[in-house]
Amino acid sequence: MTTYLDVILDRKRAEVAALAAARPEAELLAALADASPVRDFAGALSHRGGPTRIIAEVKRASPSAGAISAGLDAVAQARRYQQAGAAAISVLTDGPGFGGSLEDLVAVRARVALPVLRKDFTVDGWQLTEARAAGADAALLIAAALPGDQLRRLHDRCGELGLQALVEVHDEAEVERALAAGARLIGVNNRDLHSFAVDLATSERIIPALPGRVKGVAESGVRSGADARRLRAAGAVNLLVGEALVRAADPGALLRELCA
């Protein structure tokens, strides 16, 4: 049965093939000489027992929610997050699914002092080189989208480029694959990418079982201070929050509530 994730990945592979044909990786590698120095994304996050840290996300839409804020000013939103105490910024760069672009990442990276994560569906090392050339400090690798040895190869490629990798998982089998690939940052997505159903219990189950050397991040479904406290009680001290912050009348106030 074809899933939402299958459809997205098929589209992304075709998109990346066209982009790579238009801009060879050698050209991107040459541009790395002018890339901004890497900021420590992992260092901005907490170890278990530390203070709550928020990776605040810039997004205009999603396949599950549809349009969230079509006219969102990415830079203005990121600056609101920074002023309210976010630890890092996540920028959605997928266009068809999320209304984002690489230009959003470039603009945000130039106007905030926080580490910036490129959040996209990475299917090829070319995208990682593109991300670093654009100034990204970290990149998302989704275990469910990278079968076989692809996850390890792309995780290694992040290291070669100086990018930190946030490896996203949905279950214990994917955790094992992430750890085998060398992951030290593991994001637990509470949203099932096949059905798009959300359940905070996914993070409550997985994050306490991660090795102590690994920093865990709870992703998706956090909408309130109560949600943040629930996850923190399970050991999830790093939260990636997007839709709730974008929808909030006062995103800074919500962000501060999540950290309280």
C-alpha atoms as a PDB file:
ATOM      1  CA  MET A   1       0.000   0.000   0.000  1.00  0.00           C
ATOM      2  CA  THR A   2       1.345   3.428  -0.941  1.00  0.00           C
ATOM      3  CA  THR A   3       1.696   5.713   2.099  1.00  0.00           C
ATOM      4  CA  TYR A   4       1.982   9.490   2.521  1.00  0.00           C
ATOM      5  CA  LEU A   5       5.721   9.037   3.064  1.00  0.00           C
ATOM      6  CA  ASP A   6       6.103   7.023  -0.149  1.00  0.00           C
ATOM      7  CA  VAL A   7       4.432   9.786  -2.158  1.00  0.00           C
ATOM      8  CA  ILE A   8       6.618  12.477  -0.594  1.00  0.00           C
ATOM      9  CA  LEU A   9       9.830  10.519  -1.145  1.00  0.00           C
ATOM     10  CA  ASP A  10       9.030   9.759  -4.794  1.00  0.00           C
ATOM     11  CA  ARG A  11       8.458  13.458  -5.387  1.00  0.00           C
ATOM     12  CA  LYS A  12      11.600  14.428  -3.487  1.00  0.00           C
ATOM     13  CA  ARG A  13      13.848  12.048  -5.428  1.00  0.00           C
ATOM     14  CA  ALA A  14      12.655  13.513  -8.734  1.00  0.00           C
ATOM     15  CA  GLU A  15      13.059  17.053  -7.391  1.00  0.00           C
ATOM     16  CA  VAL A  16      16.609  16.436  -6.160  1.00  0.00           C
ATOM     17  CA  ALA A  17      17.653  14.737  -9.402  1.00  0.00           C
ATOM     18  CA  ALA A  18      16.569  17.816 -11.356  1.00  0.00           C
ATOM     19  CA  LEU A  19      18.293  20.222  -8.956  1.00  0.00           C
ATOM     20  CA  ALA A  20      21.517  18.220  -8.953  1.00  0.00           C
ATOM     21  CA  ALA A  21      21.573  18.157 -12.755  1.00  0.00           C
ATOM     22  CA  ALA A  22      21.235  21.941 -12.795  1.00  0.00           C
ATOM     23  CA  ARG A  23      23.845  22.531 -10.080  1.00  0.00           C
ATOM     24  CA  PRO A  24      26.507  19.813  -9.859  1.00  0.00           C
ATOM     25  CA  GLU A  25      27.863  18.934  -6.431  1.00  0.00           C
ATOM     26  CA  ALA A  26      31.316  20.180  -7.415  1.00  0.00           C
ATOM     27  CA  GLU A  27      29.825  23.663  -7.663  1.00  0.00           C
ATOM     28  CA  LEU A  28      28.300  23.328  -4.210  1.00  0.00           C
ATOM     29  CA  LEU A  29      31.590  22.097  -2.765  1.00  0.00           C
ATOM     30  CA  ALA A  30      33.343  25.154  -4.178  1.00  0.00           C
ATOM     31  CA  ALA A  31      30.757  27.332  -2.426  1.00  0.00           C
ATOM     32  CA  LEU A  32      31.624  25.805   0.956  1.00  0.00           C
ATOM     33  CA  ALA A  33      34.623  28.129   1.164  1.00  0.00           C
ATOM     34  CA  ASP A  34      32.172  30.984   1.707  1.00  0.00           C
ATOM     35  CA  ALA A  35      29.786  29.128   4.034  1.00  0.00           C
ATOM     36  CA  SER A  36      29.142  30.554   7.493  1.00  0.00           C
ATOM     37  CA  PRO A  37      31.057  28.891  10.363  1.00  0.00           C
ATOM     38  CA  VAL A  38      29.106  26.015  11.906  1.00  0.00           C
ATOM     39  CA  ARG A  39      27.201  26.748  15.105  1.00  0.00           C
ATOM     40  CA  ASP A  40      26.901  23.971  17.693  1.00  0.00           C
ATOM     41  CA  PHE A  41      23.367  22.633  17.292  1.00  0.00           C
ATOM     42  CA  ALA A  42      23.906  19.653  19.597  1.00  0.00           C
ATOM     43  CA  GLY A  43      25.549  21.837  22.211  1.00  0.00           C
ATOM     44  CA  ALA A  44      22.464  24.056  22.369  1.00  0.00           C
ATOM     45  CA  LEU A  45      20.372  21.094  23.572  1.00  0.00           C
ATOM     46  CA  SER A  46      20.091  19.524  27.023  1.00  0.00           C
ATOM     47  CA  HIS A  47      21.197  16.209  28.367  1.00  0.00           C
ATOM     48  CA  ARG A  48      18.585  14.259  30.291  1.00  0.00           C
ATOM     49  CA  GLY A  49      17.767  16.101  33.506  1.00  0.00           C
ATOM     50  CA  GLY A  50      18.788  19.486  32.126  1.00  0.00           C
ATOM     51  CA  PRO A  51      16.553  22.473  31.411  1.00  0.00           C
ATOM     52  CA  THR A  52      13.896  22.277  28.714  1.00  0.00           C
ATOM     53  CA  ARG A  53      15.217  23.416  25.336  1.00  0.00           C
ATOM     54  CA  ILE A  54      13.014  24.277  22.365  1.00  0.00           C
ATOM     55  CA  ILE A  55      13.915  23.850  18.710  1.00  0.00           C
ATOM     56  CA  ALA A  56      11.395  26.327  17.307  1.00  0.00           C
ATOM     57  CA  GLU A  57      10.237  25.651  13.777  1.00  0.00           C
ATOM     58  CA  VAL A  58       9.430  27.939  10.868  1.00  0.00           C
ATOM     59  CA  LYS A  59       6.776  26.353   8.651  1.00  0.00           C
ATOM     60  CA  ARG A  60       3.879  27.625   6.558  1.00  0.00           C
ATOM     61  CA  ALA A  61       1.991  24.388   5.918  1.00  0.00           C
ATOM     62  CA  SER A  62       2.144  20.633   6.311  1.00  0.00           C
ATOM     63  CA  PRO A  63       0.614  17.662   4.475  1.00  0.00           C
ATOM     64  CA  SER A  64      -1.426  16.773   7.567  1.00  0.00           C
ATOM     65  CA  ALA A  65      -2.631  20.267   8.562  1.00  0.00           C
ATOM     66  CA  GLY A  66      -2.721  21.995   5.170  1.00  0.00           C
ATOM     67  CA  ALA A  67      -2.053  25.748   5.188  1.00  0.00           C
ATOM     68  CA  ILE A  68      -0.988  27.012   8.617  1.00  0.00           C
ATOM     69  CA  SER A  69       0.291  30.507   7.803  1.00  0.00           C
ATOM     70  CA  ALA A  70       0.809  30.906   4.069  1.00  0.00           C
ATOM     71  CA  GLY A  71       2.207  34.430   4.338  1.00  0.00           C
ATOM     72  CA  LEU A  72       4.551  33.762   7.256  1.00  0.00           C
ATOM     73  CA  ASP A  73       7.708  35.904   7.278  1.00  0.00           C
ATOM     74  CA  ALA A  74      10.369  33.303   8.094  1.00  0.00           C
ATOM     75  CA  VAL A  75      12.932  35.775   9.407  1.00  0.00           C
ATOM     76  CA  ALA A  76      10.472  37.707  11.573  1.00  0.00           C
ATOM     77  CA  GLN A  77       9.168  34.459  13.071  1.00  0.00           C
ATOM     78  CA  ALA A  78      12.664  33.144  13.769  1.00  0.00           C
ATOM     79  CA  ARG A  79      13.610  36.410  15.465  1.00  0.00           C
ATOM     80  CA  ARG A  80      10.526  36.139  17.691  1.00  0.00           C
ATOM     81  CA  TYR A  81      11.680  32.663  18.686  1.00  0.00           C
ATOM     82  CA  GLN A  82      15.203  33.871  19.444  1.00  0.00           C
ATOM     83  CA  GLN A  83      13.933  36.739  21.597  1.00  0.00           C
ATOM     84  CA  ALA A  84      11.738  34.333  23.590  1.00  0.00           C
ATOM     85  CA  GLY A  85      14.615  31.994  24.418  1.00  0.00           C
ATOM     86  CA  ALA A  86      14.583  29.244  21.758  1.00  0.00           C
ATOM     87  CA  ALA A  87      17.689  27.047  21.739  1.00  0.00           C
ATOM     88  CA  ALA A  88      17.748  26.558  17.968  1.00  0.00           C
ATOM     89  CA  ILE A  89      15.681  27.163  14.854  1.00  0.00           C
ATOM     90  CA  SER A  90      14.302  24.526  12.481  1.00  0.00           C
ATOM     91  CA  VAL A  91      13.504  25.721   8.961  1.00  0.00           C
ATOM     92  CA  LEU A  92      11.301  23.634   6.668  1.00  0.00           C
ATOM     93  CA  THR A  93      12.785  23.880   3.188  1.00  0.00           C
ATOM     94  CA  ASP A  94      10.374  21.563   1.359  1.00  0.00           C
ATOM     95  CA  GLY A  95       8.195  23.593  -1.000  1.00  0.00           C
ATOM     96  CA  PRO A  96       5.210  21.481  -2.130  1.00  0.00           C
ATOM     97  CA  GLY A  97       4.502  19.950   1.263  1.00  0.00           C
ATOM     98  CA  PHE A  98       5.422  22.733   3.650  1.00  0.00           C
ATOM     99  CA  GLY A  99       5.586  26.004   1.729  1.00  0.00           C
ATOM    100  CA  GLY A 100       9.270  26.395   2.512  1.00  0.00           C
ATOM    101  CA  SER A 101      12.438  27.007   0.544  1.00  0.00           C
ATOM    102  CA  LEU A 102      16.195  26.992   0.896  1.00  0.00           C
ATOM    103  CA  GLU A 103      16.009  30.782   0.626  1.00  0.00           C
ATOM    104  CA  ASP A 104      14.112  30.785   3.944  1.00  0.00           C
ATOM    105  CA  LEU A 105      17.020  28.980   5.570  1.00  0.00           C
ATOM    106  CA  VAL A 106      19.615  31.324   4.097  1.00  0.00           C
ATOM    107  CA  ALA A 107      17.663  34.377   5.271  1.00  0.00           C
ATOM    108  CA  VAL A 108      17.029  33.017   8.767  1.00  0.00           C
ATOM    109  CA  ARG A 109      20.647  31.921   9.222  1.00  0.00           C
ATOM    110  CA  ALA A 110      21.816  35.441   8.332  1.00  0.00           C
ATOM    111  CA  ARG A 111      19.466  37.177  10.795  1.00  0.00           C
ATOM    112  CA  VAL A 112      19.537  35.024  13.948  1.00  0.00           C
ATOM    113  CA  ALA A 113      22.410  33.974  16.175  1.00  0.00           C
ATOM    114  CA  LEU A 114      21.032  30.503  16.947  1.00  0.00           C
ATOM    115  CA  PRO A 115      22.014  27.190  15.308  1.00  0.00           C
ATOM    116  CA  VAL A 116      19.765  26.345  12.354  1.00  0.00           C
ATOM    117  CA  LEU A 117      18.476  22.914  11.354  1.00  0.00           C
ATOM    118  CA  ARG A 118      17.548  22.227   7.760  1.00  0.00           C
ATOM    119  CA  LYS A 119      14.396  20.137   7.978  1.00  0.00           C
ATOM    120  CA  ASP A 120      13.575  18.347   4.752  1.00  0.00           C
ATOM    121  CA  PHE A 121      13.296  14.855   3.325  1.00  0.00           C
ATOM    122  CA  THR A 122      16.940  14.001   2.727  1.00  0.00           C
ATOM    123  CA  VAL A 123      17.329  11.287   0.105  1.00  0.00           C
ATOM    124  CA  ASP A 124      20.749  12.120  -1.348  1.00  0.00           C
ATOM    125  CA  GLY A 125      24.099  13.435  -0.159  1.00  0.00           C
ATOM    126  CA  TRP A 126      23.764  16.297  -2.635  1.00  0.00           C
ATOM    127  CA  GLN A 127      21.144  17.837  -0.349  1.00  0.00           C
ATOM    128  CA  LEU A 128      23.559  17.793   2.578  1.00  0.00           C
ATOM    129  CA  THR A 129      26.219  19.611   0.581  1.00  0.00           C
ATOM    130  CA  GLU A 130      23.561  22.098  -0.512  1.00  0.00           C
ATOM    131  CA  ALA A 131      22.487  22.578   3.112  1.00  0.00           C
ATOM    132  CA  ARG A 132      26.007  23.278   4.380  1.00  0.00           C
ATOM    133  CA  ALA A 133      26.718  25.645   1.478  1.00  0.00           C
ATOM    134  CA  ALA A 134      23.536  27.524   2.423  1.00  0.00           C
ATOM    135  CA  GLY A 135      24.733  27.891   6.021  1.00  0.00           C
ATOM    136  CA  ALA A 136      22.835  25.106   7.778  1.00  0.00           C
ATOM    137  CA  ASP A 137      24.382  23.878  11.025  1.00  0.00           C
ATOM    138  CA  ALA A 138      22.441  20.607  11.161  1.00  0.00           C
ATOM    139  CA  ALA A 139      20.308  18.436   8.893  1.00  0.00           C
ATOM    140  CA  LEU A 140      17.454  16.020   9.457  1.00  0.00           C
ATOM    141  CA  LEU A 141      17.850  12.363   8.475  1.00  0.00           C
ATOM    142  CA  ILE A 142      14.647  10.309   8.668  1.00  0.00           C
ATOM    143  CA  ALA A 143      15.376   6.645   9.384  1.00  0.00           C
ATOM    144  CA  ALA A 144      12.126   5.510   7.734  1.00  0.00           C
ATOM    145  CA  ALA A 145      13.146   7.249   4.504  1.00  0.00           C
ATOM    146  CA  LEU A 146      16.663   5.791   4.368  1.00  0.00           C
ATOM    147  CA  PRO A 147      16.694   1.982   4.089  1.00  0.00           C
ATOM    148  CA  GLY A 148      19.699  -0.307   4.061  1.00  0.00           C
ATOM    149  CA  ASP A 149      23.019   1.468   4.520  1.00  0.00           C
ATOM    150  CA  GLN A 150      21.728   4.837   3.303  1.00  0.00           C
ATOM    151  CA  LEU A 151      21.254   6.130   6.840  1.00  0.00           C
ATOM    152  CA  ARG A 152      24.838   5.357   7.842  1.00  0.00           C
ATOM    153  CA  ARG A 153      26.249   6.770   4.600  1.00  0.00           C
ATOM    154  CA  LEU A 154      24.363  10.031   4.917  1.00  0.00           C
ATOM    155  CA  HIS A 155      25.172  10.300   8.619  1.00  0.00           C
ATOM    156  CA  ASP A 156      28.854   9.885   7.724  1.00  0.00           C
ATOM    157  CA  ARG A 157      28.473  12.495   4.991  1.00  0.00           C
ATOM    158  CA  CYS A 158      27.117  14.979   7.522  1.00  0.00           C
ATOM    159  CA  GLY A 159      30.290  14.482   9.548  1.00  0.00           C
ATOM    160  CA  GLU A 160      32.495  15.033   6.510  1.00  0.00           C
ATOM    161  CA  LEU A 161      30.713  18.316   5.782  1.00  0.00           C
ATOM    162  CA  GLY A 162      30.737  19.556   9.373  1.00  0.00           C
ATOM    163  CA  LEU A 163      26.948  19.237   9.688  1.00  0.00           C
ATOM    164  CA  GLN A 164      25.390  17.747  12.786  1.00  0.00           C
ATOM    165  CA  ALA A 165      22.710  15.149  12.083  1.00  0.00           C
ATOM    166  CA  LEU A 166      19.376  14.870  13.867  1.00  0.00           C
ATOM    167  CA  VAL A 167      18.240  11.319  13.119  1.00  0.00           C
ATOM    168  CA  GLU A 168      14.475  10.928  13.289  1.00  0.00           C
ATOM    169  CA  VAL A 169      12.903   7.655  14.432  1.00  0.00           C
ATOM    170  CA  HIS A 170       9.403   6.340  15.105  1.00  0.00           C
ATOM    171  CA  ASP A 171      10.016   3.010  16.837  1.00  0.00           C
ATOM    172  CA  GLU A 172      12.612   0.881  18.595  1.00  0.00           C
ATOM    173  CA  ALA A 173      13.832  -0.812  15.415  1.00  0.00           C
ATOM    174  CA  GLU A 174      14.642   2.590  13.926  1.00  0.00           C
ATOM    175  CA  VAL A 175      16.438   3.564  17.148  1.00  0.00           C
ATOM    176  CA  GLU A 176      18.729   0.565  16.699  1.00  0.00           C
ATOM    177  CA  ARG A 177      19.456   1.587  13.113  1.00  0.00           C
ATOM    178  CA  ALA A 178      20.144   5.172  14.202  1.00  0.00           C
ATOM    179  CA  LEU A 179      22.554   4.062  16.915  1.00  0.00           C
ATOM    180  CA  ALA A 180      24.318   1.695  14.507  1.00  0.00           C
ATOM    181  CA  ALA A 181      24.784   4.643  12.143  1.00  0.00           C
ATOM    182  CA  GLY A 182      26.515   6.592  14.906  1.00  0.00           C
ATOM    183  CA  ALA A 183      23.702   8.973  15.870  1.00  0.00           C
ATOM    184  CA  ARG A 184      24.222  11.130  18.950  1.00  0.00           C
ATOM    185  CA  LEU A 185      21.098  13.220  18.347  1.00  0.00           C
ATOM    186  CA  ILE A 186      17.868  11.242  17.964  1.00  0.00           C
ATOM    187  CA  GLY A 187      14.513  12.881  17.311  1.00  0.00           C
ATOM    188  CA  VAL A 188      11.466  10.822  18.197  1.00  0.00           C
ATOM    189  CA  ASN A 189       8.608  11.833  15.927  1.00  0.00           C
ATOM    190  CA  ASN A 190       5.262  11.429  17.640  1.00  0.00           C
ATOM    191  CA  ARG A 191       3.629  11.692  14.218  1.00  0.00           C
ATOM    192  CA  ASP A 192       3.447   8.447  12.268  1.00  0.00           C
ATOM    193  CA  LEU A 193       4.691   9.400   8.790  1.00  0.00           C
ATOM    194  CA  HIS A 194       2.588   6.673   7.217  1.00  0.00           C
ATOM    195  CA  SER A 195      -0.778   7.605   8.759  1.00  0.00           C
ATOM    196  CA  PHE A 196       0.040  11.093  10.184  1.00  0.00           C
ATOM    197  CA  ALA A 197      -1.587  10.109  13.506  1.00  0.00           C
ATOM    198  CA  VAL A 198       0.055  11.772  16.548  1.00  0.00           C
ATOM    199  CA  ASP A 199       0.693  10.145  19.930  1.00  0.00           C
ATOM    200  CA  LEU A 200       2.957  11.689  22.597  1.00  0.00           C
ATOM    201  CA  ALA A 201       3.298   8.225  24.119  1.00  0.00           C
ATOM    202  CA  THR A 202       5.807   7.436  21.369  1.00  0.00           C
ATOM    203  CA  SER A 203       8.348   9.819  22.926  1.00  0.00           C
ATOM    204  CA  GLU A 204       7.363   8.741  26.435  1.00  0.00           C
ATOM    205  CA  ARG A 205       8.242   5.156  25.501  1.00  0.00           C
ATOM    206  CA  ILE A 206      11.392   5.680  23.434  1.00  0.00           C
ATOM    207  CA  ILE A 207      13.306   8.620  24.910  1.00  0.00           C
ATOM    208  CA  PRO A 208      13.844   7.129  28.415  1.00  0.00           C
ATOM    209  CA  ALA A 209      15.412   4.054  26.782  1.00  0.00           C
ATOM    210  CA  LEU A 210      18.018   5.994  24.754  1.00  0.00           C
ATOM    211  CA  PRO A 211      21.653   5.567  25.836  1.00  0.00           C
ATOM    212  CA  GLY A 212      22.980   8.287  28.114  1.00  0.00           C
ATOM    213  CA  ARG A 213      25.419   9.513  25.461  1.00  0.00           C
ATOM    214  CA  VAL A 214      22.500  10.357  23.146  1.00  0.00           C
ATOM    215  CA  LYS A 215      20.447  13.542  23.316  1.00  0.00           C
ATOM    216  CA  GLY A 216      16.798  12.869  22.551  1.00  0.00           C
ATOM    217  CA  VAL A 217      14.362  15.319  20.978  1.00  0.00           C
ATOM    218  CA  ALA A 218      10.581  14.913  21.121  1.00  0.00           C
ATOM    219  CA  GLU A 219       9.048  16.019  17.831  1.00  0.00           C
ATOM    220  CA  SER A 220       5.427  16.777  16.867  1.00  0.00           C
ATOM    221  CA  GLY A 221       2.239  17.109  18.860  1.00  0.00           C
ATOM    222  CA  VAL A 222       3.447  19.567  21.523  1.00  0.00           C
ATOM    223  CA  ARG A 223       0.804  22.290  21.796  1.00  0.00           C
ATOM    224  CA  SER A 224       0.845  23.485  25.392  1.00  0.00           C
ATOM    225  CA  GLY A 225       2.781  23.763  28.602  1.00  0.00           C
ATOM    226  CA  ALA A 226       0.902  20.695  29.815  1.00  0.00           C
ATOM    227  CA  ASP A 227       2.235  18.682  26.858  1.00  0.00           C
ATOM    228  CA  ALA A 228       5.770  19.893  27.567  1.00  0.00           C
ATOM    229  CA  ARG A 229       5.498  18.957  31.243  1.00  0.00           C
ATOM    230  CA  ARG A 230       4.105  15.539  30.337  1.00  0.00           C
ATOM    231  CA  LEU A 231       7.068  14.840  28.069  1.00  0.00           C
ATOM    232  CA  ARG A 232       9.573  16.264  30.516  1.00  0.00           C
ATOM    233  CA  ALA A 233       8.262  13.861  33.174  1.00  0.00           C
ATOM    234  CA  ALA A 234       9.276  11.060  30.802  1.00  0.00           C
ATOM    235  CA  GLY A 235      12.772  12.506  30.352  1.00  0.00           C
ATOM    236  CA  ALA A 236      12.193  14.470  27.137  1.00  0.00           C
ATOM    237  CA  VAL A 237      13.926  17.800  27.803  1.00  0.00           C
ATOM    238  CA  ASN A 238      14.399  18.821  24.159  1.00  0.00           C
ATOM    239  CA  LEU A 239      11.281  19.576  22.135  1.00  0.00           C
ATOM    240  CA  LEU A 240      10.883  20.453  18.462  1.00  0.00           C
ATOM    241  CA  VAL A 241       7.747  22.574  18.120  1.00  0.00           C
ATOM    242  CA  GLY A 242       6.372  24.059  14.919  1.00  0.00           C
ATOM    243  CA  GLU A 243       2.658  24.218  14.188  1.00  0.00           C
ATOM    244  CA  ALA A 244       1.596  25.379  17.659  1.00  0.00           C
ATOM    245  CA  LEU A 245       4.111  28.221  17.631  1.00  0.00           C
ATOM    246  CA  VAL A 246       3.174  29.330  14.120  1.00  0.00           C
ATOM    247  CA  ARG A 247      -0.536  29.335  14.984  1.00  0.00           C
ATOM    248  CA  ALA A 248      -0.062  31.123  18.328  1.00  0.00           C
ATOM    249  CA  ALA A 249      -1.193  34.741  18.591  1.00  0.00           C
ATOM    250  CA  ASP A 250       1.921  35.306  20.729  1.00  0.00           C
ATOM    251  CA  PRO A 251       4.539  32.684  19.824  1.00  0.00           C
ATOM    252  CA  GLY A 252       7.013  34.120  22.333  1.00  0.00           C
ATOM    253  CA  ALA A 253       4.578  33.662  25.199  1.00  0.00           C
ATOM    254  CA  LEU A 254       3.860  30.061  24.185  1.00  0.00           C
ATOM    255  CA  LEU A 255       7.560  29.305  23.851  1.00  0.00           C
ATOM    256  CA  ARG A 256       8.226  30.633  27.335  1.00  0.00           C
ATOM    257  CA  GLU A 257       5.316  28.541  28.649  1.00  0.00           C
ATOM    258  CA  LEU A 258       6.824  25.413  27.082  1.00  0.00           C
ATOM    259  CA  CYS A 259      10.114  26.070  28.878  1.00  0.00           C
ATOM    260  CA  ALA A 260       8.535  26.809  32.279  1.00  0.00           C
END
